[in-house]
Amino acid sequence: MESNGGVPVNIDNTAAQQAIGAMLAAIQVRLEEAARIARAATACAQAGSVNEGVTLALDIEQGIHDACRLLDAACFLNRFTVPKSKT
């Protein structure tokens, strides 16, 4: 398989697919944590503590950032894998 620059890329397909699976699982963990924080922030706001809710919501940013970078890495690695044949 060759990359876009025409340079051959040798990658173990099984290892790449396992790494991608691990990255997707890590994305799920970070997004679930972000959702938990968002629920807590919403509860604070609904209880009248809007400032506390916003302060809590700011903790979502790092998890979302990490999830985006993991998605970038998974997509990049996926470009170099050979799709499994459908039999």
Protein backbone atom coordinates (compact mmCIF):
# COMPACT_ATOMS: atom_id res chain seq x y z
CA MET A 1 0.00 0.00 0.00
CA GLU A 2 1.24 3.51 -0.72
CA SER A 3 0.55 6.79 1.02
CA ASN A 4 -0.50 9.89 -0.90
CA GLY A 5 3.16 10.79 -1.49
CA GLY A 6 3.86 7.51 -3.26
CA VAL A 7 6.01 6.21 -0.40
CA PRO A 8 5.26 2.58 0.44
CA VAL A 9 3.75 2.11 3.88
CA ASN A 10 4.01 -1.28 5.54
CA ILE A 11 1.64 -1.58 8.44
CA ASP A 12 0.33 -4.60 10.29
CA ASN A 13 -3.38 -4.50 9.50
CA THR A 14 -4.38 -6.40 12.64
CA ALA A 15 -2.34 -4.13 14.91
CA ALA A 16 -3.73 -1.04 13.18
CA GLN A 17 -7.31 -2.24 13.58
CA GLN A 18 -6.69 -3.00 17.27
CA ALA A 19 -5.20 0.45 17.78
CA ILE A 20 -8.15 2.07 16.03
CA GLY A 21 -10.54 0.08 18.23
CA ALA A 22 -8.69 1.25 21.33
CA MET A 23 -8.84 4.86 20.12
CA LEU A 24 -12.58 4.62 19.50
CA ALA A 25 -13.07 3.17 23.00
CA ALA A 26 -11.02 6.04 24.46
CA ILE A 27 -13.20 8.52 22.54
CA GLN A 28 -16.29 6.93 24.07
CA VAL A 29 -14.87 7.25 27.60
CA ARG A 30 -14.05 10.93 27.12
CA LEU A 31 -17.44 11.73 25.61
CA GLU A 32 -19.26 9.87 28.37
CA GLU A 33 -17.33 11.90 30.95
CA ALA A 34 -18.17 15.10 29.06
CA ALA A 35 -21.86 14.10 29.05
CA ARG A 36 -21.72 13.43 32.80
CA ILE A 37 -20.24 16.89 33.39
CA ALA A 38 -22.84 18.46 31.09
CA ARG A 39 -25.66 16.81 33.05
CA ALA A 40 -24.21 18.13 36.32
CA ALA A 41 -23.81 21.62 34.83
CA THR A 42 -27.40 21.55 33.59
CA ALA A 43 -28.64 20.46 37.01
CA CYS A 44 -26.78 23.36 38.63
CA ALA A 45 -28.27 25.83 36.17
CA GLN A 46 -31.78 24.45 36.64
CA ALA A 47 -31.34 24.74 40.40
CA GLY A 48 -30.48 28.42 40.00
CA SER A 49 -26.69 28.15 40.23
CA VAL A 50 -25.95 29.26 36.68
CA ASN A 51 -22.42 30.45 37.46
CA GLU A 52 -21.55 27.11 39.05
CA GLY A 53 -23.05 25.33 36.03
CA VAL A 54 -20.90 27.32 33.64
CA THR A 55 -17.82 26.70 35.77
CA LEU A 56 -18.53 22.96 35.68
CA ALA A 57 -19.19 23.04 31.95
CA LEU A 58 -15.72 24.46 31.34
CA ASP A 59 -14.34 21.07 32.44
CA ILE A 60 -15.85 19.55 29.31
CA GLU A 61 -13.38 21.28 27.00
CA GLN A 62 -10.32 19.06 27.60
CA GLY A 63 -12.28 15.82 27.12
CA ILE A 64 -13.78 17.07 23.87
CA HIS A 65 -10.36 18.21 22.67
CA ASP A 66 -8.86 14.80 23.50
CA ALA A 67 -11.72 12.99 21.76
CA CYS A 68 -11.18 15.08 18.60
CA ARG A 69 -7.45 14.35 18.56
CA LEU A 70 -8.11 10.63 19.06
CA LEU A 71 -10.58 10.74 16.17
CA ASP A 72 -7.97 12.45 14.00
CA ALA A 73 -5.44 9.74 14.86
CA ALA A 74 -7.91 6.91 14.22
CA CYS A 75 -8.88 8.37 10.84
CA PHE A 76 -5.23 8.86 9.88
CA LEU A 77 -4.29 5.30 10.81
CA ASN A 78 -7.37 3.95 9.04
CA ARG A 79 -6.16 5.50 5.78
CA PHE A 80 -3.25 3.04 5.80
CA THR A 81 -5.19 -0.14 6.55
CA VAL A 82 -6.42 -2.63 4.01
CA PRO A 83 -10.18 -3.21 4.30
CA LYS A 84 -11.19 -6.76 5.23
CA SER A 85 -12.65 -8.60 2.28
CA LYS A 86 -16.32 -9.46 2.51
CA THR A 87 -16.82 -13.16 1.92
